[in-house]
Every structure is written in structure tokens, then in C-alpha cells.
N, C-alpha and C. Protein backbone atom coordinates (compact mmCIF):
# COMPACT_ATOMS: atom_id res chain seq x y z
N UNK A 1 48.25 -5.37 -0.17
CA UNK A 1 47.73 -6.33 0.78
C UNK A 1 46.42 -5.80 1.36
N UNK A 2 45.38 -6.58 1.28
CA UNK A 2 44.06 -6.16 1.73
C UNK A 2 43.82 -6.41 3.20
N UNK A 3 42.79 -5.76 3.66
CA UNK A 3 42.35 -5.88 5.04
C UNK A 3 40.96 -6.50 5.03
N UNK A 4 40.74 -7.54 5.82
CA UNK A 4 39.42 -8.16 5.86
C UNK A 4 38.57 -7.49 6.93
N UNK A 5 37.36 -7.08 6.53
CA UNK A 5 36.44 -6.48 7.49
C UNK A 5 35.10 -7.20 7.44
N UNK A 6 34.38 -7.08 8.55
CA UNK A 6 33.04 -7.63 8.66
C UNK A 6 32.13 -6.50 9.10
N UNK A 7 31.01 -6.35 8.40
CA UNK A 7 30.05 -5.30 8.76
C UNK A 7 28.66 -5.75 8.33
N UNK A 8 27.67 -5.03 8.77
CA UNK A 8 26.28 -5.33 8.43
C UNK A 8 25.74 -4.19 7.58
N UNK A 9 25.16 -4.54 6.43
CA UNK A 9 24.55 -3.56 5.55
C UNK A 9 23.12 -4.00 5.30
N UNK A 10 22.17 -3.16 5.68
CA UNK A 10 20.75 -3.42 5.47
C UNK A 10 20.34 -4.77 6.06
N UNK A 11 20.92 -5.10 7.21
CA UNK A 11 20.58 -6.34 7.89
C UNK A 11 21.35 -7.56 7.43
N UNK A 12 22.18 -7.43 6.40
CA UNK A 12 22.97 -8.55 5.88
C UNK A 12 24.42 -8.40 6.30
N UNK A 13 24.99 -9.47 6.85
CA UNK A 13 26.38 -9.44 7.27
C UNK A 13 27.28 -9.75 6.08
N UNK A 14 28.31 -8.94 5.93
CA UNK A 14 29.28 -9.10 4.85
C UNK A 14 30.68 -9.19 5.45
N UNK A 15 31.47 -10.10 4.91
CA UNK A 15 32.89 -10.15 5.20
C UNK A 15 33.59 -10.02 3.87
N UNK A 16 34.47 -9.04 3.76
CA UNK A 16 35.14 -8.79 2.48
C UNK A 16 36.50 -8.17 2.74
N UNK A 17 37.30 -8.21 1.70
CA UNK A 17 38.64 -7.63 1.77
C UNK A 17 38.65 -6.30 1.04
N UNK A 18 39.40 -5.35 1.60
CA UNK A 18 39.56 -4.05 0.94
C UNK A 18 40.93 -3.49 1.25
N UNK A 19 41.34 -2.57 0.42
CA UNK A 19 42.59 -1.86 0.67
C UNK A 19 42.33 -0.85 1.78
N UNK A 20 43.28 -0.64 2.68
CA UNK A 20 43.06 0.29 3.80
C UNK A 20 42.67 1.70 3.38
N UNK A 21 43.03 2.14 2.19
CA UNK A 21 42.73 3.50 1.74
C UNK A 21 41.39 3.59 0.99
N UNK A 22 40.64 2.50 0.88
CA UNK A 22 39.38 2.50 0.15
C UNK A 22 38.30 3.26 0.90
N UNK A 23 37.66 4.20 0.21
CA UNK A 23 36.54 4.94 0.82
C UNK A 23 35.35 4.01 0.97
N UNK A 24 34.56 4.24 1.99
CA UNK A 24 33.38 3.42 2.24
C UNK A 24 32.42 3.44 1.06
N UNK A 25 32.23 4.60 0.43
CA UNK A 25 31.34 4.68 -0.72
C UNK A 25 31.79 3.73 -1.82
N UNK A 26 33.07 3.66 -2.09
CA UNK A 26 33.59 2.78 -3.13
C UNK A 26 33.43 1.32 -2.74
N UNK A 27 33.66 1.00 -1.49
CA UNK A 27 33.50 -0.36 -0.99
C UNK A 27 32.03 -0.80 -1.12
N UNK A 28 31.11 0.09 -0.71
CA UNK A 28 29.69 -0.25 -0.79
C UNK A 28 29.25 -0.44 -2.23
N UNK A 29 29.65 0.45 -3.12
CA UNK A 29 29.23 0.38 -4.53
C UNK A 29 29.95 -0.71 -5.31
N UNK A 30 31.27 -0.71 -5.24
CA UNK A 30 32.06 -1.56 -6.13
C UNK A 30 32.24 -2.99 -5.61
N UNK A 31 32.38 -3.15 -4.31
CA UNK A 31 32.60 -4.48 -3.76
C UNK A 31 31.29 -5.16 -3.39
N UNK A 32 30.41 -4.41 -2.72
CA UNK A 32 29.18 -5.03 -2.23
C UNK A 32 27.97 -4.81 -3.14
N UNK A 33 28.07 -3.89 -4.10
CA UNK A 33 27.02 -3.72 -5.10
C UNK A 33 25.85 -2.85 -4.70
N UNK A 34 26.00 -2.01 -3.69
CA UNK A 34 24.93 -1.10 -3.27
C UNK A 34 25.02 0.18 -4.11
N UNK A 35 24.41 0.16 -5.28
CA UNK A 35 24.53 1.25 -6.25
C UNK A 35 23.66 2.46 -5.91
N UNK A 36 22.77 2.36 -4.93
CA UNK A 36 21.97 3.51 -4.51
C UNK A 36 22.80 4.54 -3.77
N UNK A 37 23.97 4.14 -3.30
CA UNK A 37 24.90 5.06 -2.66
C UNK A 37 25.65 5.75 -3.80
N UNK A 38 25.41 7.02 -3.99
CA UNK A 38 25.96 7.75 -5.14
C UNK A 38 27.26 8.47 -4.78
N UNK A 39 28.18 8.47 -5.71
CA UNK A 39 29.41 9.23 -5.55
C UNK A 39 29.32 10.46 -6.43
N UNK A 40 29.51 11.62 -5.83
CA UNK A 40 29.42 12.86 -6.61
C UNK A 40 30.63 13.73 -6.32
N UNK A 41 30.66 14.39 -5.18
CA UNK A 41 31.72 15.36 -4.91
C UNK A 41 33.00 14.72 -4.39
N UNK A 42 32.88 13.61 -3.69
CA UNK A 42 34.02 12.91 -3.10
C UNK A 42 34.74 13.74 -2.03
N UNK A 43 34.05 14.74 -1.48
CA UNK A 43 34.64 15.58 -0.43
C UNK A 43 33.71 15.76 0.76
N UNK A 44 32.57 15.10 0.78
CA UNK A 44 31.64 15.22 1.89
C UNK A 44 30.78 16.46 1.86
N UNK A 45 30.68 17.11 0.72
CA UNK A 45 29.94 18.37 0.62
C UNK A 45 28.52 18.23 0.08
N UNK A 46 28.24 17.22 -0.73
CA UNK A 46 26.96 17.19 -1.45
C UNK A 46 25.91 16.27 -0.84
N UNK A 47 26.31 15.23 -0.13
CA UNK A 47 25.36 14.34 0.52
C UNK A 47 24.80 13.23 -0.34
N UNK A 48 25.22 13.10 -1.59
CA UNK A 48 24.68 12.05 -2.46
C UNK A 48 25.03 10.65 -1.94
N UNK A 49 26.10 10.54 -1.17
CA UNK A 49 26.56 9.25 -0.66
C UNK A 49 26.11 8.98 0.77
N UNK A 50 25.13 9.73 1.27
CA UNK A 50 24.71 9.59 2.66
C UNK A 50 24.17 8.19 2.94
N UNK A 51 24.65 7.62 4.03
CA UNK A 51 24.15 6.35 4.56
C UNK A 51 23.93 6.56 6.06
N UNK A 52 23.29 5.59 6.68
CA UNK A 52 23.16 5.62 8.14
C UNK A 52 24.16 4.61 8.69
N UNK A 53 25.04 5.10 9.55
CA UNK A 53 26.08 4.27 10.16
C UNK A 53 25.88 4.29 11.67
N UNK A 54 25.55 3.12 12.20
CA UNK A 54 25.28 3.00 13.63
C UNK A 54 24.28 4.05 14.11
N UNK A 55 23.23 4.25 13.30
CA UNK A 55 22.13 5.13 13.67
C UNK A 55 22.28 6.58 13.29
N UNK A 56 23.41 6.97 12.72
CA UNK A 56 23.63 8.38 12.38
C UNK A 56 23.94 8.53 10.90
N UNK A 57 23.40 9.59 10.26
CA UNK A 57 23.73 9.81 8.84
C UNK A 57 25.18 10.26 8.69
N UNK A 58 25.87 9.68 7.71
CA UNK A 58 27.25 10.06 7.42
C UNK A 58 27.45 10.10 5.91
N UNK A 59 28.39 10.91 5.48
CA UNK A 59 28.80 10.94 4.08
C UNK A 59 29.84 9.84 3.89
N UNK A 60 29.46 8.81 3.17
CA UNK A 60 30.33 7.63 3.05
C UNK A 60 31.56 7.88 2.20
N UNK A 61 31.63 9.00 1.50
CA UNK A 61 32.83 9.29 0.70
C UNK A 61 33.99 9.77 1.56
N UNK A 62 33.72 10.18 2.79
CA UNK A 62 34.79 10.67 3.65
C UNK A 62 35.07 9.73 4.83
N UNK A 63 34.51 8.52 4.76
CA UNK A 63 34.76 7.50 5.76
C UNK A 63 35.53 6.38 5.07
N UNK A 64 36.59 5.92 5.69
CA UNK A 64 37.31 4.79 5.14
C UNK A 64 36.51 3.52 5.38
N UNK A 65 36.54 2.63 4.42
CA UNK A 65 35.84 1.36 4.57
C UNK A 65 36.30 0.61 5.81
N UNK A 66 37.59 0.68 6.10
CA UNK A 66 38.13 0.01 7.28
C UNK A 66 37.53 0.55 8.57
N UNK A 67 37.15 1.82 8.57
CA UNK A 67 36.55 2.43 9.76
C UNK A 67 35.12 1.95 9.99
N UNK A 68 34.56 1.27 9.01
CA UNK A 68 33.20 0.74 9.15
C UNK A 68 33.20 -0.71 9.65
N UNK A 69 34.36 -1.26 9.91
CA UNK A 69 34.43 -2.63 10.43
C UNK A 69 33.58 -2.74 11.69
N UNK A 70 32.69 -3.72 11.70
CA UNK A 70 31.82 -3.95 12.85
C UNK A 70 30.60 -3.06 12.90
N UNK A 71 30.47 -2.14 11.96
CA UNK A 71 29.36 -1.17 11.97
C UNK A 71 28.08 -1.78 11.40
N UNK A 72 26.98 -1.13 11.75
CA UNK A 72 25.67 -1.45 11.20
C UNK A 72 25.30 -0.31 10.26
N UNK A 73 25.21 -0.61 8.96
CA UNK A 73 24.96 0.41 7.95
C UNK A 73 23.59 0.21 7.31
N UNK A 74 22.97 1.32 6.94
CA UNK A 74 21.73 1.30 6.17
C UNK A 74 21.93 2.20 4.96
N UNK A 75 21.68 1.64 3.79
CA UNK A 75 21.72 2.41 2.55
C UNK A 75 20.28 2.62 2.09
N UNK A 76 20.09 3.38 1.05
CA UNK A 76 18.74 3.62 0.55
C UNK A 76 18.06 2.31 0.16
N UNK A 77 18.85 1.32 -0.28
CA UNK A 77 18.28 0.03 -0.65
C UNK A 77 17.66 -0.70 0.54
N UNK A 78 18.09 -0.37 1.74
CA UNK A 78 17.61 -1.06 2.93
C UNK A 78 16.49 -0.34 3.66
N UNK A 79 16.00 0.74 3.10
CA UNK A 79 14.97 1.52 3.79
C UNK A 79 13.58 0.96 3.55
N UNK A 80 13.30 0.48 2.36
CA UNK A 80 11.99 -0.11 2.07
C UNK A 80 11.84 -1.43 2.84
N UNK A 81 10.61 -1.84 3.05
CA UNK A 81 10.31 -3.12 3.69
C UNK A 81 9.81 -4.05 2.60
N UNK A 82 10.75 -4.72 1.95
CA UNK A 82 10.39 -5.55 0.80
C UNK A 82 9.89 -4.68 -0.34
N UNK A 83 8.67 -4.95 -0.79
CA UNK A 83 8.08 -4.15 -1.87
C UNK A 83 7.37 -2.90 -1.36
N UNK A 84 7.27 -2.76 -0.04
CA UNK A 84 6.59 -1.60 0.55
C UNK A 84 7.61 -0.50 0.83
N UNK A 85 7.44 0.62 0.13
CA UNK A 85 8.36 1.74 0.31
C UNK A 85 8.24 2.33 1.70
N UNK A 86 9.34 2.86 2.18
CA UNK A 86 9.33 3.62 3.44
C UNK A 86 8.48 4.87 3.20
N UNK A 87 7.80 5.38 4.22
CA UNK A 87 6.99 6.59 4.03
C UNK A 87 7.75 7.76 3.41
N UNK A 88 9.03 7.91 3.69
CA UNK A 88 9.80 9.00 3.07
C UNK A 88 9.92 8.76 1.57
N UNK A 89 10.21 7.53 1.18
CA UNK A 89 10.33 7.21 -0.24
C UNK A 89 9.00 7.46 -0.96
N UNK A 90 7.91 6.99 -0.36
CA UNK A 90 6.60 7.16 -0.99
C UNK A 90 6.21 8.64 -1.06
N UNK A 91 6.55 9.39 -0.03
CA UNK A 91 6.23 10.82 -0.01
C UNK A 91 7.02 11.58 -1.08
N UNK A 92 8.25 11.18 -1.35
CA UNK A 92 9.02 11.81 -2.42
C UNK A 92 8.31 11.60 -3.76
N UNK A 93 7.77 10.42 -3.96
CA UNK A 93 7.03 10.14 -5.19
C UNK A 93 5.75 10.96 -5.23
N UNK A 94 5.00 10.92 -4.14
CA UNK A 94 3.68 11.56 -4.09
C UNK A 94 3.74 13.08 -4.21
N UNK A 95 4.82 13.69 -3.75
CA UNK A 95 4.93 15.15 -3.81
C UNK A 95 5.77 15.61 -5.00
N UNK A 96 6.33 14.70 -5.76
CA UNK A 96 7.18 15.09 -6.89
C UNK A 96 8.46 15.76 -6.43
N UNK A 97 9.06 15.25 -5.37
CA UNK A 97 10.23 15.88 -4.76
C UNK A 97 11.54 15.50 -5.45
N UNK A 98 11.47 15.03 -6.68
CA UNK A 98 12.68 14.67 -7.41
C UNK A 98 12.66 15.29 -8.79
N UNK A 99 13.83 15.49 -9.33
CA UNK A 99 13.93 15.82 -10.76
C UNK A 99 14.86 14.81 -11.38
N UNK A 100 16.15 15.05 -11.43
CA UNK A 100 17.03 14.05 -12.06
C UNK A 100 17.16 12.81 -11.19
N UNK A 101 17.06 12.96 -9.87
CA UNK A 101 17.08 11.83 -8.96
C UNK A 101 18.43 11.44 -8.41
N UNK A 102 19.50 12.03 -8.89
CA UNK A 102 20.83 11.61 -8.46
C UNK A 102 21.04 11.86 -6.95
N UNK A 103 20.56 12.97 -6.45
CA UNK A 103 20.74 13.31 -5.04
C UNK A 103 19.70 12.66 -4.14
N UNK A 104 18.63 12.14 -4.73
CA UNK A 104 17.48 11.67 -3.97
C UNK A 104 17.82 10.61 -2.92
N UNK A 105 18.64 9.60 -3.21
CA UNK A 105 18.94 8.62 -2.16
C UNK A 105 19.54 9.26 -0.90
N UNK A 106 20.43 10.22 -1.08
CA UNK A 106 21.03 10.89 0.07
C UNK A 106 20.01 11.67 0.88
N UNK A 107 19.12 12.38 0.19
CA UNK A 107 18.05 13.10 0.89
C UNK A 107 17.16 12.13 1.66
N UNK A 108 16.76 11.05 1.02
CA UNK A 108 15.87 10.08 1.65
C UNK A 108 16.52 9.48 2.90
N UNK A 109 17.78 9.12 2.81
CA UNK A 109 18.48 8.55 3.96
C UNK A 109 18.58 9.58 5.08
N UNK A 110 18.93 10.81 4.75
CA UNK A 110 19.04 11.86 5.78
C UNK A 110 17.70 12.10 6.46
N UNK A 111 16.63 12.13 5.67
CA UNK A 111 15.30 12.39 6.24
C UNK A 111 14.75 11.20 7.01
N UNK A 112 15.10 10.00 6.60
CA UNK A 112 14.71 8.81 7.37
C UNK A 112 15.38 8.87 8.74
N UNK A 113 16.67 9.21 8.76
CA UNK A 113 17.39 9.33 10.03
C UNK A 113 16.74 10.39 10.92
N UNK A 114 16.31 11.50 10.33
CA UNK A 114 15.61 12.53 11.09
C UNK A 114 14.33 11.98 11.69
N UNK A 115 13.52 11.31 10.88
CA UNK A 115 12.24 10.79 11.38
C UNK A 115 12.41 9.64 12.36
N UNK A 116 13.55 9.00 12.34
CA UNK A 116 13.86 7.99 13.37
C UNK A 116 14.08 8.67 14.72
N UNK A 117 14.58 9.92 14.68
CA UNK A 117 14.88 10.66 15.91
C UNK A 117 13.68 11.44 16.42
N UNK A 118 12.87 11.99 15.52
CA UNK A 118 11.75 12.82 15.93
C UNK A 118 10.57 12.58 15.00
N UNK A 119 9.42 12.40 15.57
CA UNK A 119 8.22 12.09 14.78
C UNK A 119 7.55 13.32 14.19
N UNK A 120 7.79 14.50 14.78
CA UNK A 120 7.18 15.74 14.30
C UNK A 120 8.25 16.81 14.14
N UNK A 121 9.08 16.69 13.10
CA UNK A 121 10.17 17.66 12.95
C UNK A 121 9.67 19.04 12.56
N UNK A 122 10.35 20.04 13.07
CA UNK A 122 10.07 21.42 12.68
C UNK A 122 10.79 21.70 11.36
N UNK A 123 10.46 22.83 10.75
CA UNK A 123 11.17 23.24 9.53
C UNK A 123 12.66 23.38 9.81
N UNK A 124 13.00 23.86 10.99
CA UNK A 124 14.41 24.00 11.35
C UNK A 124 15.08 22.64 11.48
N UNK A 125 14.36 21.66 12.03
CA UNK A 125 14.89 20.29 12.13
C UNK A 125 15.20 19.74 10.73
N UNK A 126 14.26 19.96 9.81
CA UNK A 126 14.44 19.47 8.44
C UNK A 126 15.62 20.18 7.78
N UNK A 127 15.70 21.49 7.94
CA UNK A 127 16.82 22.25 7.37
C UNK A 127 18.15 21.71 7.86
N UNK A 128 18.23 21.44 9.18
CA UNK A 128 19.47 20.92 9.74
C UNK A 128 19.76 19.52 9.21
N UNK A 129 18.72 18.69 9.13
CA UNK A 129 18.91 17.30 8.68
C UNK A 129 19.42 17.21 7.25
N UNK A 130 18.99 18.14 6.39
CA UNK A 130 19.41 18.09 4.99
C UNK A 130 20.48 19.14 4.67
N UNK A 131 21.05 19.73 5.69
CA UNK A 131 22.06 20.78 5.45
C UNK A 131 23.29 20.24 4.73
N UNK A 132 23.51 18.95 4.78
CA UNK A 132 24.64 18.36 4.08
C UNK A 132 24.27 17.76 2.73
N UNK A 133 23.04 17.98 2.28
CA UNK A 133 22.58 17.46 1.00
C UNK A 133 22.32 18.61 0.04
N UNK A 134 22.77 18.44 -1.19
CA UNK A 134 22.59 19.47 -2.21
C UNK A 134 21.84 18.89 -3.39
N UNK A 135 20.85 19.65 -3.86
CA UNK A 135 20.14 19.32 -5.10
C UNK A 135 20.36 20.49 -6.05
N UNK A 136 20.82 20.18 -7.24
CA UNK A 136 21.08 21.24 -8.21
C UNK A 136 19.93 21.43 -9.18
N UNK A 137 18.94 20.53 -9.15
CA UNK A 137 17.87 20.57 -10.16
C UNK A 137 16.61 21.31 -9.71
N UNK A 138 16.33 21.29 -8.43
CA UNK A 138 15.02 21.75 -7.99
C UNK A 138 15.14 22.62 -6.75
N UNK A 139 14.09 23.29 -6.44
CA UNK A 139 14.00 23.99 -5.17
C UNK A 139 13.72 22.95 -4.09
N UNK A 140 13.79 23.34 -2.88
CA UNK A 140 13.65 22.40 -1.78
C UNK A 140 12.22 22.33 -1.25
N UNK A 141 11.32 23.10 -1.80
CA UNK A 141 9.94 23.14 -1.28
C UNK A 141 9.29 21.78 -1.29
N UNK A 142 9.41 21.05 -2.39
CA UNK A 142 8.78 19.74 -2.47
C UNK A 142 9.45 18.72 -1.56
N UNK A 143 10.72 18.90 -1.27
CA UNK A 143 11.40 18.03 -0.32
C UNK A 143 10.84 18.26 1.08
N UNK A 144 10.60 19.53 1.43
CA UNK A 144 9.97 19.84 2.71
C UNK A 144 8.54 19.28 2.75
N UNK A 145 7.82 19.39 1.64
CA UNK A 145 6.48 18.81 1.56
C UNK A 145 6.53 17.30 1.78
N UNK A 146 7.53 16.65 1.20
CA UNK A 146 7.65 15.20 1.32
C UNK A 146 7.90 14.77 2.76
N UNK A 147 8.79 15.45 3.46
CA UNK A 147 9.06 15.05 4.84
C UNK A 147 7.85 15.33 5.73
N UNK A 148 7.13 16.41 5.46
CA UNK A 148 5.91 16.69 6.21
C UNK A 148 4.88 15.57 6.00
N UNK A 149 4.70 15.16 4.75
CA UNK A 149 3.77 14.09 4.43
C UNK A 149 4.19 12.78 5.07
N UNK A 150 5.47 12.46 4.99
CA UNK A 150 5.97 11.22 5.59
C UNK A 150 5.77 11.23 7.09
N UNK A 151 6.06 12.35 7.75
CA UNK A 151 5.88 12.44 9.20
C UNK A 151 4.42 12.23 9.58
N UNK A 152 3.50 12.82 8.81
CA UNK A 152 2.06 12.64 9.08
C UNK A 152 1.66 11.19 8.92
N UNK A 153 2.16 10.55 7.88
CA UNK A 153 1.84 9.15 7.63
C UNK A 153 2.42 8.21 8.69
N UNK A 154 3.53 8.61 9.26
CA UNK A 154 4.19 7.77 10.26
C UNK A 154 3.61 7.94 11.66
N UNK A 155 2.86 9.03 11.88
CA UNK A 155 2.32 9.26 13.23
C UNK A 155 0.95 8.65 13.42
């Protein structure tokens, strides 16, 4: 027997049914079609599934979909303004801060949340913001370059 929930994702209101044990990541990907939310570790360790929930970054693999009832969610798909990329997204491209790209949506969401809180983050702020995100392909130098570039463009 399913549970009906209503929530907002990227400014769009959704009402849908889910099983009470369904993880938010699965609900977002499989029911609502937000494929930018990646499932990797399924334990909240890697950050590939990071979304913004009521203004804060969370690992959607460790949140039940039912716990998101009434919440305002932002996925990587909701960060751009139409065809205009968010400064963090554009900076990732401009600095080459990606390799395989699987972890990139989680990093972008985490860093967008950081820049929503502070316009001039320190290296320590960035380290803390991405401490829950793991990239296995590359060093983090270009990711730090990307957030620096995005912060400059946003100020």
C-alpha cells in the first residue's frame, strides 16, 4: 500500500505515491525522472546523490521519500536558469573540473548550496562543503578552481 506525498522539485509541485520504505533518490530518479541525481554508494558516503532540501544539501540516498513530503527540493536539473548555466556549472566546464562526470552533479549541488550561504568562501569553507562528496577520477584542484571562478563571477 502506497503513501501519497506532495513536494516541490525545482519549482514544480509533484503529488505521487510511493512505498514508505522508498529512498528519496529512488523516488526522484524512478518516479519523477530526475536522472541527474546519481545513485552510487547508497550509504550516504559518496555524495553523488546530493540535492538541496529546504535550503540544505543532503544525501538523498539516506532520506526516505516520505520524509520529503512538503519539502522544497533542488536537483542539479533545477540549478540552471533555462539555457543559462549556473555559474558553478559553467565554471566546472571552464576549468575542466570533471573527468567521468558521475560525481559532478553532487559536487555542483553542494557548491551551489555553499555559494548560496557565502559569496566569498575560504578554502576551508569549500573543503567542508564538499567533505561529503567523493571523486575517484581526478584530484580536487580543478574543483577548487571552479568554485573560486564561480564565486568571482557571482560577486
